[in-house]
N, C-alpha and C. Protein backbone atom coordinates (compact mmCIF):
# COMPACT_ATOMS: atom_id res chain seq x y z
N MET A 1 172.20 219.72 -122.08
CA MET A 1 170.87 219.17 -121.92
C MET A 1 170.52 218.37 -123.16
N ALA A 2 169.85 217.24 -122.92
CA ALA A 2 169.50 216.37 -124.04
C ALA A 2 168.35 216.96 -124.82
N ASP A 3 168.30 216.58 -126.08
CA ASP A 3 167.21 217.09 -126.92
C ASP A 3 165.91 216.38 -126.54
N PRO A 4 164.74 216.97 -126.87
CA PRO A 4 163.45 216.40 -126.48
C PRO A 4 163.21 215.00 -127.01
N VAL A 5 163.69 214.68 -128.19
CA VAL A 5 163.48 213.35 -128.77
C VAL A 5 164.16 212.30 -127.91
N THR A 6 165.39 212.57 -127.49
CA THR A 6 166.13 211.62 -126.65
C THR A 6 165.44 211.47 -125.30
N LEU A 7 164.98 212.58 -124.72
CA LEU A 7 164.28 212.52 -123.45
C LEU A 7 163.00 211.69 -123.56
N VAL A 8 162.29 211.86 -124.67
CA VAL A 8 161.06 211.08 -124.88
C VAL A 8 161.40 209.60 -124.95
N MET A 9 162.46 209.25 -125.65
CA MET A 9 162.83 207.84 -125.79
C MET A 9 163.24 207.25 -124.43
N ILE A 10 163.98 208.04 -123.66
CA ILE A 10 164.42 207.56 -122.34
C ILE A 10 163.21 207.39 -121.42
N THR A 11 162.33 208.39 -121.36
CA THR A 11 161.16 208.28 -120.48
C THR A 11 160.21 207.18 -120.93
N THR A 12 160.12 206.95 -122.23
CA THR A 12 159.27 205.87 -122.73
C THR A 12 159.82 204.52 -122.28
N ALA A 13 161.13 204.36 -122.42
CA ALA A 13 161.76 203.10 -121.99
C ALA A 13 161.58 202.91 -120.49
N MET A 14 161.79 203.98 -119.72
CA MET A 14 161.63 203.89 -118.26
C MET A 14 160.17 203.56 -117.90
N SER A 15 159.25 204.20 -118.59
CA SER A 15 157.83 203.97 -118.32
C SER A 15 157.46 202.52 -118.64
N ALA A 16 157.97 201.98 -119.73
CA ALA A 16 157.69 200.59 -120.11
C ALA A 16 158.28 199.63 -119.07
N LEU A 17 159.51 199.93 -118.61
CA LEU A 17 160.13 199.09 -117.59
C LEU A 17 159.35 199.14 -116.28
N MET A 18 158.89 200.32 -115.90
CA MET A 18 158.10 200.47 -114.68
C MET A 18 156.79 199.69 -114.77
N ALA A 19 156.15 199.75 -115.95
CA ALA A 19 154.90 199.01 -116.13
C ALA A 19 155.14 197.51 -115.96
N GLY A 20 156.23 197.02 -116.51
CA GLY A 20 156.57 195.61 -116.37
C GLY A 20 156.89 195.25 -114.92
N ALA A 21 157.65 196.12 -114.26
CA ALA A 21 158.02 195.87 -112.86
C ALA A 21 156.79 195.89 -111.95
N GLN A 22 155.89 196.83 -112.19
CA GLN A 22 154.68 196.90 -111.38
C GLN A 22 153.82 195.65 -111.58
N GLY A 23 153.72 195.19 -112.81
CA GLY A 23 152.96 193.97 -113.08
C GLY A 23 153.57 192.76 -112.38
N MET A 24 154.89 192.66 -112.43
CA MET A 24 155.58 191.54 -111.78
C MET A 24 155.41 191.62 -110.26
N ALA A 25 155.51 192.84 -109.70
CA ALA A 25 155.36 193.00 -108.25
C ALA A 25 153.94 192.63 -107.82
N ALA A 26 152.94 193.08 -108.58
CA ALA A 26 151.55 192.74 -108.25
C ALA A 26 151.32 191.24 -108.33
N SER A 27 151.91 190.61 -109.34
CA SER A 27 151.77 189.17 -109.48
C SER A 27 152.43 188.44 -108.32
N SER A 28 153.64 188.88 -107.94
CA SER A 28 154.34 188.23 -106.82
C SER A 28 153.56 188.37 -105.52
N GLN A 29 153.02 189.56 -105.29
CA GLN A 29 152.25 189.77 -104.06
C GLN A 29 151.00 188.88 -104.05
N ALA A 30 150.32 188.79 -105.17
CA ALA A 30 149.13 187.95 -105.24
C ALA A 30 149.49 186.48 -105.07
N GLN A 31 150.62 186.06 -105.63
CA GLN A 31 151.08 184.67 -105.46
C GLN A 31 151.35 184.38 -103.98
N TYR A 32 151.99 185.33 -103.31
CA TYR A 32 152.29 185.16 -101.88
C TYR A 32 150.99 185.05 -101.08
N GLN A 33 150.04 185.94 -101.35
CA GLN A 33 148.77 185.91 -100.65
C GLN A 33 148.02 184.60 -100.93
N SER A 34 148.13 184.11 -102.14
CA SER A 34 147.50 182.84 -102.50
C SER A 34 148.12 181.70 -101.69
N GLU A 35 149.44 181.71 -101.57
CA GLU A 35 150.13 180.66 -100.81
C GLU A 35 149.75 180.73 -99.33
N VAL A 36 149.67 181.94 -98.78
CA VAL A 36 149.28 182.09 -97.37
C VAL A 36 147.87 181.56 -97.16
N ALA A 37 146.96 181.92 -98.05
CA ALA A 37 145.57 181.44 -97.93
C ALA A 37 145.50 179.92 -98.07
N SER A 38 146.30 179.36 -98.99
CA SER A 38 146.31 177.90 -99.16
C SER A 38 146.82 177.19 -97.91
N GLN A 39 147.89 177.74 -97.32
CA GLN A 39 148.43 177.15 -96.09
C GLN A 39 147.43 177.28 -94.94
N SER A 40 146.74 178.41 -94.88
CA SER A 40 145.73 178.60 -93.84
C SER A 40 144.60 177.59 -94.00
N ALA A 41 144.20 177.35 -95.24
CA ALA A 41 143.14 176.37 -95.51
C ALA A 41 143.58 174.98 -95.07
N LYS A 42 144.80 174.62 -95.41
CA LYS A 42 145.31 173.30 -95.05
C LYS A 42 145.39 173.15 -93.53
N TYR A 43 145.93 174.16 -92.86
CA TYR A 43 146.07 174.11 -91.40
C TYR A 43 144.70 174.03 -90.73
N THR A 44 143.76 174.85 -91.20
CA THR A 44 142.42 174.86 -90.61
C THR A 44 141.74 173.52 -90.78
N ALA A 45 141.86 172.91 -91.96
CA ALA A 45 141.26 171.60 -92.19
C ALA A 45 141.91 170.54 -91.29
N GLU A 46 143.22 170.61 -91.14
CA GLU A 46 143.92 169.66 -90.26
C GLU A 46 143.47 169.82 -88.81
N MET A 47 143.33 171.08 -88.36
CA MET A 47 142.89 171.32 -86.98
C MET A 47 141.45 170.86 -86.78
N ALA A 48 140.61 171.06 -87.79
CA ALA A 48 139.22 170.60 -87.68
C ALA A 48 139.18 169.09 -87.54
N ASP A 49 139.99 168.40 -88.33
CA ASP A 49 140.03 166.95 -88.27
C ASP A 49 140.58 166.48 -86.92
N ARG A 50 141.61 167.17 -86.44
CA ARG A 50 142.22 166.84 -85.15
C ARG A 50 141.20 167.03 -84.03
N ASN A 51 140.48 168.14 -84.05
CA ASN A 51 139.47 168.40 -83.01
C ASN A 51 138.36 167.37 -83.05
N ARG A 52 138.02 166.93 -84.25
CA ARG A 52 136.99 165.89 -84.39
C ARG A 52 137.46 164.59 -83.75
N LYS A 53 138.72 164.24 -83.97
CA LYS A 53 139.26 163.01 -83.38
C LYS A 53 139.33 163.13 -81.86
N ILE A 54 139.69 164.30 -81.36
CA ILE A 54 139.74 164.51 -79.91
C ILE A 54 138.33 164.37 -79.32
N SER A 55 137.34 164.91 -80.01
CA SER A 55 135.95 164.80 -79.54
C SER A 55 135.50 163.35 -79.52
N GLU A 56 135.89 162.59 -80.53
CA GLU A 56 135.53 161.17 -80.57
C GLU A 56 136.19 160.42 -79.42
N PHE A 57 137.45 160.76 -79.13
CA PHE A 57 138.14 160.16 -77.99
C PHE A 57 137.41 160.50 -76.69
N ALA A 58 137.00 161.77 -76.55
CA ALA A 58 136.27 162.20 -75.35
C ALA A 58 134.94 161.45 -75.24
N ALA A 59 134.28 161.21 -76.37
CA ALA A 59 133.02 160.47 -76.36
C ALA A 59 133.24 159.04 -75.89
N LYS A 60 134.26 158.39 -76.41
CA LYS A 60 134.54 157.01 -75.99
C LYS A 60 134.92 156.97 -74.51
N GLU A 61 135.65 157.96 -74.07
CA GLU A 61 136.03 158.03 -72.66
C GLU A 61 134.78 158.21 -71.78
N ALA A 62 133.84 159.04 -72.22
CA ALA A 62 132.60 159.26 -71.46
C ALA A 62 131.79 157.97 -71.37
N LEU A 63 131.72 157.22 -72.48
CA LEU A 63 131.00 155.95 -72.46
C LEU A 63 131.65 154.96 -71.49
N ALA A 64 132.96 154.88 -71.56
CA ALA A 64 133.69 153.96 -70.69
C ALA A 64 133.53 154.36 -69.22
N LYS A 65 133.56 155.65 -68.96
CA LYS A 65 133.40 156.14 -67.58
C LYS A 65 132.00 155.78 -67.06
N GLY A 66 130.98 155.96 -67.91
CA GLY A 66 129.62 155.60 -67.50
C GLY A 66 129.49 154.13 -67.18
N GLU A 67 130.09 153.29 -68.04
CA GLU A 67 130.05 151.84 -67.80
C GLU A 67 130.82 151.48 -66.54
N MET A 68 131.96 152.13 -66.32
CA MET A 68 132.75 151.85 -65.13
C MET A 68 131.99 152.24 -63.86
N GLU A 69 131.36 153.42 -63.88
CA GLU A 69 130.57 153.85 -62.73
C GLU A 69 129.42 152.87 -62.48
N ALA A 70 128.78 152.41 -63.55
CA ALA A 70 127.70 151.44 -63.40
C ALA A 70 128.23 150.15 -62.77
N GLY A 71 129.42 149.73 -63.19
CA GLY A 71 130.03 148.52 -62.62
C GLY A 71 130.31 148.68 -61.13
N VAL A 72 130.81 149.85 -60.74
CA VAL A 72 131.08 150.11 -59.32
C VAL A 72 129.78 150.09 -58.53
N ILE A 73 128.74 150.70 -59.09
CA ILE A 73 127.43 150.73 -58.40
C ILE A 73 126.89 149.32 -58.24
N ARG A 74 126.98 148.50 -59.29
CA ARG A 74 126.47 147.11 -59.21
C ARG A 74 127.26 146.28 -58.21
N GLU A 75 128.56 146.53 -58.14
CA GLU A 75 129.39 145.81 -57.17
C GLU A 75 128.97 146.19 -55.75
N LYS A 76 128.72 147.48 -55.56
CA LYS A 76 128.26 147.96 -54.27
C LYS A 76 126.89 147.34 -53.93
N GLU A 77 126.05 147.21 -54.96
CA GLU A 77 124.72 146.60 -54.80
C GLU A 77 124.87 145.17 -54.27
N MET A 78 125.76 144.41 -54.89
CA MET A 78 125.94 143.01 -54.48
C MET A 78 126.41 142.93 -53.02
N LYS A 79 127.31 143.83 -52.66
CA LYS A 79 127.81 143.82 -51.27
C LYS A 79 126.68 144.19 -50.30
N THR A 80 125.89 145.19 -50.67
CA THR A 80 124.81 145.63 -49.78
C THR A 80 123.76 144.54 -49.63
N ILE A 81 123.35 143.92 -50.74
CA ILE A 81 122.36 142.85 -50.67
C ILE A 81 122.92 141.65 -49.90
N GLY A 82 124.20 141.37 -50.11
CA GLY A 82 124.84 140.28 -49.35
C GLY A 82 124.83 140.58 -47.85
N ALA A 83 125.10 141.84 -47.49
CA ALA A 83 125.08 142.22 -46.07
C ALA A 83 123.66 142.12 -45.52
N GLU A 84 122.65 142.51 -46.35
CA GLU A 84 121.27 142.40 -45.90
C GLU A 84 120.87 140.95 -45.69
N ARG A 85 121.28 140.06 -46.60
CA ARG A 85 120.97 138.63 -46.46
C ARG A 85 121.62 138.05 -45.20
N ALA A 86 122.86 138.46 -44.99
CA ALA A 86 123.57 137.97 -43.80
C ALA A 86 122.87 138.44 -42.52
N ALA A 87 122.40 139.70 -42.53
CA ALA A 87 121.72 140.23 -41.34
C ALA A 87 120.40 139.51 -41.12
N VAL A 88 119.67 139.25 -42.21
CA VAL A 88 118.39 138.54 -42.09
C VAL A 88 118.65 137.12 -41.61
N GLY A 89 119.68 136.47 -42.17
CA GLY A 89 120.02 135.09 -41.77
C GLY A 89 120.48 135.02 -40.32
N ALA A 90 121.19 136.03 -39.85
CA ALA A 90 121.67 136.04 -38.47
C ALA A 90 120.51 136.18 -37.49
N LEU A 91 119.45 136.82 -37.93
CA LEU A 91 118.28 136.97 -37.07
C LEU A 91 117.42 135.70 -37.07
N GLY A 92 117.72 134.78 -37.99
CA GLY A 92 116.98 133.54 -38.06
C GLY A 92 115.67 133.69 -38.81
N VAL A 93 115.56 134.77 -39.58
CA VAL A 93 114.34 135.02 -40.33
C VAL A 93 114.54 134.48 -41.74
N THR A 94 113.49 133.89 -42.32
CA THR A 94 113.59 133.43 -43.70
C THR A 94 113.46 134.63 -44.64
N PRO A 95 114.17 134.60 -45.76
CA PRO A 95 114.12 135.76 -46.66
C PRO A 95 112.83 135.80 -47.47
N GLU A 96 111.73 136.00 -46.79
CA GLU A 96 110.43 136.09 -47.42
C GLU A 96 109.74 137.35 -46.91
N GLY A 97 108.77 137.85 -47.67
CA GLY A 97 107.98 138.99 -47.21
C GLY A 97 108.80 140.26 -47.14
N SER A 98 108.77 140.91 -45.98
CA SER A 98 109.43 142.22 -45.81
C SER A 98 110.93 142.16 -46.07
N PRO A 99 111.68 141.16 -45.57
CA PRO A 99 113.12 141.14 -45.89
C PRO A 99 113.38 140.99 -47.39
N LEU A 100 112.56 140.19 -48.06
CA LEU A 100 112.72 140.02 -49.50
C LEU A 100 112.37 141.32 -50.24
N ASP A 101 111.30 141.98 -49.77
CA ASP A 101 110.93 143.28 -50.37
C ASP A 101 112.05 144.30 -50.21
N LEU A 102 112.67 144.28 -49.03
CA LEU A 102 113.77 145.22 -48.77
C LEU A 102 114.93 144.97 -49.72
N MET A 103 115.29 143.70 -49.91
CA MET A 103 116.40 143.38 -50.82
C MET A 103 116.05 143.73 -52.27
N GLY A 104 114.78 143.52 -52.65
CA GLY A 104 114.34 143.87 -54.00
C GLY A 104 114.40 145.38 -54.22
N GLU A 105 113.97 146.14 -53.23
CA GLU A 105 114.01 147.61 -53.33
C GLU A 105 115.45 148.09 -53.41
N THR A 106 116.31 147.48 -52.65
CA THR A 106 117.74 147.84 -52.69
C THR A 106 118.31 147.59 -54.08
N ALA A 107 117.96 146.42 -54.65
CA ALA A 107 118.45 146.06 -55.99
C ALA A 107 117.93 147.06 -57.03
N ARG A 108 116.65 147.43 -56.92
CA ARG A 108 116.07 148.41 -57.88
C ARG A 108 116.78 149.76 -57.79
N GLN A 109 117.03 150.22 -56.56
CA GLN A 109 117.70 151.53 -56.40
C GLN A 109 119.10 151.51 -57.01
N TYR A 110 119.82 150.45 -56.74
CA TYR A 110 121.17 150.36 -57.29
C TYR A 110 121.14 150.24 -58.82
N GLU A 111 120.18 149.47 -59.34
CA GLU A 111 120.11 149.31 -60.80
C GLU A 111 119.73 150.64 -61.46
N ARG A 112 118.84 151.40 -60.81
CA ARG A 112 118.48 152.71 -61.33
C ARG A 112 119.71 153.62 -61.36
N ASP A 113 120.50 153.59 -60.29
CA ASP A 113 121.72 154.40 -60.26
C ASP A 113 122.72 153.96 -61.33
N ALA A 114 122.83 152.64 -61.53
CA ALA A 114 123.74 152.11 -62.55
C ALA A 114 123.27 152.52 -63.94
N THR A 115 121.96 152.43 -64.19
CA THR A 115 121.40 152.84 -65.48
C THR A 115 121.62 154.32 -65.72
N ASN A 116 121.43 155.12 -64.68
CA ASN A 116 121.67 156.57 -64.80
C ASN A 116 123.14 156.86 -65.13
N ALA A 117 124.04 156.09 -64.54
CA ALA A 117 125.47 156.28 -64.83
C ALA A 117 125.75 155.96 -66.30
N VAL A 118 125.15 154.89 -66.82
CA VAL A 118 125.34 154.52 -68.23
C VAL A 118 124.76 155.60 -69.13
N PHE A 119 123.53 156.04 -68.83
CA PHE A 119 122.90 157.09 -69.64
C PHE A 119 123.67 158.40 -69.55
N GLY A 120 124.20 158.70 -68.36
CA GLY A 120 125.02 159.91 -68.21
C GLY A 120 126.25 159.86 -69.11
N GLY A 121 126.88 158.69 -69.17
CA GLY A 121 128.03 158.51 -70.06
C GLY A 121 127.63 158.65 -71.52
N GLN A 122 126.47 158.09 -71.86
CA GLN A 122 125.99 158.20 -73.24
C GLN A 122 125.67 159.65 -73.61
N PHE A 123 125.09 160.36 -72.66
CA PHE A 123 124.79 161.77 -72.92
C PHE A 123 126.08 162.58 -73.11
N GLU A 124 127.06 162.36 -72.26
CA GLU A 124 128.34 163.08 -72.39
C GLU A 124 129.02 162.72 -73.71
N ALA A 125 128.89 161.46 -74.11
CA ALA A 125 129.47 161.04 -75.40
C ALA A 125 128.75 161.73 -76.55
N TRP A 126 127.43 161.80 -76.49
CA TRP A 126 126.66 162.49 -77.53
C TRP A 126 127.06 163.95 -77.59
N LYS A 127 127.21 164.58 -76.42
CA LYS A 127 127.57 165.99 -76.36
C LYS A 127 128.96 166.22 -76.97
N ALA A 128 129.91 165.36 -76.62
CA ALA A 128 131.27 165.49 -77.17
C ALA A 128 131.26 165.30 -78.69
N ARG A 129 130.52 164.31 -79.17
CA ARG A 129 130.46 164.07 -80.61
C ARG A 129 129.77 165.23 -81.35
N THR A 130 128.71 165.74 -80.75
CA THR A 130 127.99 166.86 -81.37
C THR A 130 128.90 168.09 -81.46
N GLN A 131 129.59 168.37 -80.37
CA GLN A 131 130.52 169.51 -80.38
C GLN A 131 131.64 169.27 -81.39
N GLY A 132 132.12 168.05 -81.45
CA GLY A 132 133.19 167.72 -82.40
C GLY A 132 132.74 167.90 -83.84
N GLU A 133 131.54 167.42 -84.15
CA GLU A 133 131.01 167.57 -85.51
C GLU A 133 130.80 169.04 -85.86
N SER A 134 130.27 169.79 -84.90
CA SER A 134 130.02 171.21 -85.13
C SER A 134 131.34 171.95 -85.38
N SER A 135 132.32 171.65 -84.55
CA SER A 135 133.64 172.27 -84.71
C SER A 135 134.27 171.85 -86.03
N TRP A 136 134.11 170.59 -86.39
CA TRP A 136 134.68 170.08 -87.64
C TRP A 136 134.05 170.78 -88.84
N LEU A 137 132.71 170.90 -88.83
CA LEU A 137 132.02 171.56 -89.95
C LEU A 137 132.40 173.03 -90.03
N GLU A 138 132.53 173.68 -88.89
CA GLU A 138 132.95 175.08 -88.88
C GLU A 138 134.36 175.20 -89.45
N GLY A 139 135.24 174.29 -89.06
CA GLY A 139 136.60 174.29 -89.58
C GLY A 139 136.64 174.07 -91.09
N LEU A 140 135.80 173.16 -91.57
CA LEU A 140 135.75 172.92 -93.02
C LEU A 140 135.25 174.16 -93.76
N GLY A 141 134.27 174.85 -93.15
CA GLY A 141 133.77 176.09 -93.76
C GLY A 141 134.85 177.15 -93.85
N THR A 142 135.61 177.28 -92.77
CA THR A 142 136.71 178.25 -92.76
C THR A 142 137.78 177.85 -93.77
N ALA A 143 138.08 176.56 -93.83
CA ALA A 143 139.08 176.09 -94.80
C ALA A 143 138.61 176.37 -96.23
N ALA A 144 137.32 176.17 -96.48
CA ALA A 144 136.78 176.44 -97.82
C ALA A 144 136.90 177.92 -98.16
N ARG A 145 136.68 178.78 -97.16
CA ARG A 145 136.82 180.22 -97.40
C ARG A 145 138.27 180.56 -97.76
N TYR A 146 139.21 179.96 -97.02
CA TYR A 146 140.63 180.20 -97.34
C TYR A 146 140.98 179.68 -98.74
N LYS A 147 140.41 178.54 -99.11
CA LYS A 147 140.67 178.01 -100.45
C LYS A 147 140.14 178.96 -101.52
N ALA A 148 138.97 179.53 -101.26
CA ALA A 148 138.39 180.48 -102.21
C ALA A 148 139.27 181.74 -102.31
N GLU A 149 139.78 182.19 -101.16
CA GLU A 149 140.69 183.34 -101.17
C GLU A 149 141.96 183.01 -101.96
N ALA A 150 142.46 181.81 -101.78
CA ALA A 150 143.67 181.41 -102.50
C ALA A 150 143.42 181.44 -104.01
N ALA A 151 142.25 180.94 -104.43
CA ALA A 151 141.92 180.96 -105.86
C ALA A 151 141.78 182.39 -106.36
N LEU A 152 141.19 183.26 -105.55
CA LEU A 152 141.04 184.67 -105.92
C LEU A 152 142.42 185.31 -106.12
N TYR A 153 143.31 185.08 -105.17
CA TYR A 153 144.66 185.66 -105.29
C TYR A 153 145.41 185.07 -106.48
N GLU A 154 145.18 183.81 -106.76
CA GLU A 154 145.80 183.18 -107.92
C GLU A 154 145.32 183.87 -109.20
N ASN A 155 144.02 184.16 -109.26
CA ASN A 155 143.47 184.88 -110.42
C ASN A 155 144.05 186.29 -110.52
N LYS A 156 144.20 186.95 -109.36
CA LYS A 156 144.79 188.29 -109.37
C LYS A 156 146.21 188.24 -109.90
N SER A 157 146.94 187.21 -109.52
CA SER A 157 148.31 187.05 -110.00
C SER A 157 148.33 186.87 -111.51
N ASP A 158 147.43 186.03 -112.01
CA ASP A 158 147.35 185.81 -113.46
C ASP A 158 146.99 187.10 -114.19
N LEU A 159 146.03 187.84 -113.63
CA LEU A 159 145.63 189.11 -114.26
C LEU A 159 146.77 190.11 -114.26
N ALA A 160 147.53 190.14 -113.17
CA ALA A 160 148.67 191.06 -113.11
C ALA A 160 149.70 190.71 -114.17
N LEU A 161 149.95 189.42 -114.36
CA LEU A 161 150.90 189.00 -115.40
C LEU A 161 150.37 189.34 -116.79
N MET A 162 149.06 189.14 -116.99
CA MET A 162 148.49 189.44 -118.29
C MET A 162 148.47 190.94 -118.58
N SER A 163 148.46 191.76 -117.52
CA SER A 163 148.41 193.22 -117.74
C SER A 163 149.77 193.81 -118.12
N ILE A 164 150.83 193.05 -117.92
CA ILE A 164 152.18 193.58 -118.21
C ILE A 164 152.31 194.01 -119.68
N PRO A 165 151.95 193.17 -120.65
CA PRO A 165 152.10 193.60 -122.05
C PRO A 165 151.27 194.85 -122.36
N PHE A 166 150.07 194.95 -121.73
CA PHE A 166 149.24 196.13 -121.98
C PHE A 166 149.87 197.39 -121.40
N GLY A 167 150.45 197.27 -120.20
CA GLY A 167 151.13 198.42 -119.59
C GLY A 167 152.32 198.86 -120.41
N ILE A 168 153.11 197.87 -120.86
CA ILE A 168 154.27 198.20 -121.68
C ILE A 168 153.81 198.79 -123.01
N GLY A 169 152.80 198.18 -123.62
CA GLY A 169 152.27 198.67 -124.90
C GLY A 169 151.73 200.09 -124.77
N SER A 170 151.01 200.35 -123.69
CA SER A 170 150.47 201.70 -123.47
C SER A 170 151.60 202.70 -123.33
N SER A 171 152.64 202.33 -122.60
CA SER A 171 153.79 203.23 -122.44
C SER A 171 154.47 203.49 -123.78
N LEU A 172 154.60 202.44 -124.57
CA LEU A 172 155.26 202.60 -125.88
C LEU A 172 154.43 203.45 -126.83
N ILE A 173 153.11 203.26 -126.82
CA ILE A 173 152.24 204.07 -127.69
C ILE A 173 152.28 205.53 -127.28
N THR A 174 152.19 205.76 -125.96
CA THR A 174 152.27 207.15 -125.47
C THR A 174 153.63 207.74 -125.82
N GLY A 175 154.66 206.95 -125.64
CA GLY A 175 156.02 207.43 -125.97
C GLY A 175 156.17 207.72 -127.45
N TYR A 176 155.57 206.88 -128.29
CA TYR A 176 155.66 207.12 -129.74
C TYR A 176 154.95 208.42 -130.10
N GLY A 177 153.80 208.64 -129.47
CA GLY A 177 153.08 209.90 -129.72
C GLY A 177 153.91 211.10 -129.31
N ARG A 178 154.54 211.01 -128.17
CA ARG A 178 155.41 212.11 -127.71
C ARG A 178 156.62 212.27 -128.63
N TYR A 179 157.12 211.14 -129.09
CA TYR A 179 158.26 211.18 -130.02
C TYR A 179 157.88 211.94 -131.29
N GLN A 180 156.68 211.64 -131.80
CA GLN A 180 156.21 212.33 -133.02
C GLN A 180 156.11 213.84 -132.78
N ILE A 181 155.59 214.21 -131.62
CA ILE A 181 155.45 215.63 -131.29
C ILE A 181 156.83 216.28 -131.17
N ALA A 182 157.74 215.60 -130.44
CA ALA A 182 159.08 216.16 -130.23
C ALA A 182 159.85 216.25 -131.54
N SER A 183 159.68 215.26 -132.44
CA SER A 183 160.42 215.28 -133.70
C SER A 183 159.93 216.40 -134.62
N LYS A 184 158.73 216.93 -134.37
CA LYS A 184 158.21 218.05 -135.17
C LYS A 184 158.48 219.38 -134.48
N GLY A 185 159.23 219.32 -133.36
CA GLY A 185 159.60 220.55 -132.68
C GLY A 185 158.63 220.97 -131.59
N GLY A 186 157.61 220.18 -131.30
CA GLY A 186 156.63 220.54 -130.27
C GLY A 186 157.09 220.10 -128.89
N ASN A 187 156.37 220.52 -127.88
CA ASN A 187 156.66 220.14 -126.49
C ASN A 187 155.83 218.89 -126.16
N PRO A 188 156.46 217.72 -126.02
CA PRO A 188 155.72 216.48 -125.80
C PRO A 188 155.06 216.39 -124.42
N TRP A 189 155.47 217.27 -123.48
CA TRP A 189 154.90 217.22 -122.13
C TRP A 189 153.94 218.37 -121.86
N ALA A 190 153.61 219.13 -122.86
CA ALA A 190 152.69 220.25 -122.68
C ALA A 190 151.28 219.73 -122.41
N PRO A 191 150.54 220.36 -121.47
CA PRO A 191 149.20 219.89 -121.11
C PRO A 191 148.24 219.82 -122.29
N SER A 192 148.43 220.62 -123.30
CA SER A 192 147.49 220.62 -124.41
C SER A 192 147.55 219.32 -125.21
N TYR A 193 148.62 218.56 -125.04
CA TYR A 193 148.77 217.32 -125.79
C TYR A 193 148.08 216.15 -125.10
N TYR A 194 147.78 216.28 -123.78
CA TYR A 194 147.14 215.19 -123.05
C TYR A 194 145.67 215.11 -123.41
N GLY A 195 145.24 214.03 -123.93
CA GLY A 195 143.85 213.79 -124.22
C GLY A 195 143.33 214.52 -125.44
N GLY A 196 144.11 215.38 -126.03
CA GLY A 196 143.61 216.13 -127.16
C GLY A 196 144.18 215.67 -128.48
N GLY A 197 144.85 214.59 -128.53
CA GLY A 197 145.44 214.09 -129.77
C GLY A 197 146.85 214.58 -129.92
N PHE A 198 147.52 214.11 -130.98
CA PHE A 198 148.93 214.44 -131.17
C PHE A 198 149.15 215.40 -132.33
N GLY A 199 148.12 215.80 -132.96
CA GLY A 199 148.29 216.67 -134.16
C GLY A 199 148.58 218.11 -133.79
N SER A 200 148.87 218.88 -134.83
CA SER A 200 149.06 220.33 -134.77
C SER A 200 150.39 220.71 -135.33
């Protein structure tokens, strides 16, 4: 069996190595978590931007659809009014009074429908843009949270690295105290030596 002084030196060295290894492991884990949070922030920001572009595309599509529907309605209007004029002309009636009022009312109804189609497209475009902006802002908020987490983990990594010398130093100081006790013939692992000083 080894003498107490040798055992103290071995355990002190092992304790110092463990303190260094634990500090390195904590730093590596924090670095990994920082990288994951950074990647999450980047991905979230990219998705927010992508969703915003999709919403803008949907808005433009809604506007175009409204205009197209209005165009179809106006074309239908022209055909209907043309058919009404032909019917009035076939009867030999001049397009005055009631026939003219009828054609005017037809034109108003079609124009109202065309205007509603345009406004409907504008409303859908506004809705798509609003949803896109809301989603984009939410995504930026989430990305900012991930960035803050990444910075926090980066700080934890730095602190873990900075704690290594203190852990090793603490192990060496404790080991030196035990060495002093063992070199004087005392028991370096006896409970009375913990927290009560190294004298006696």
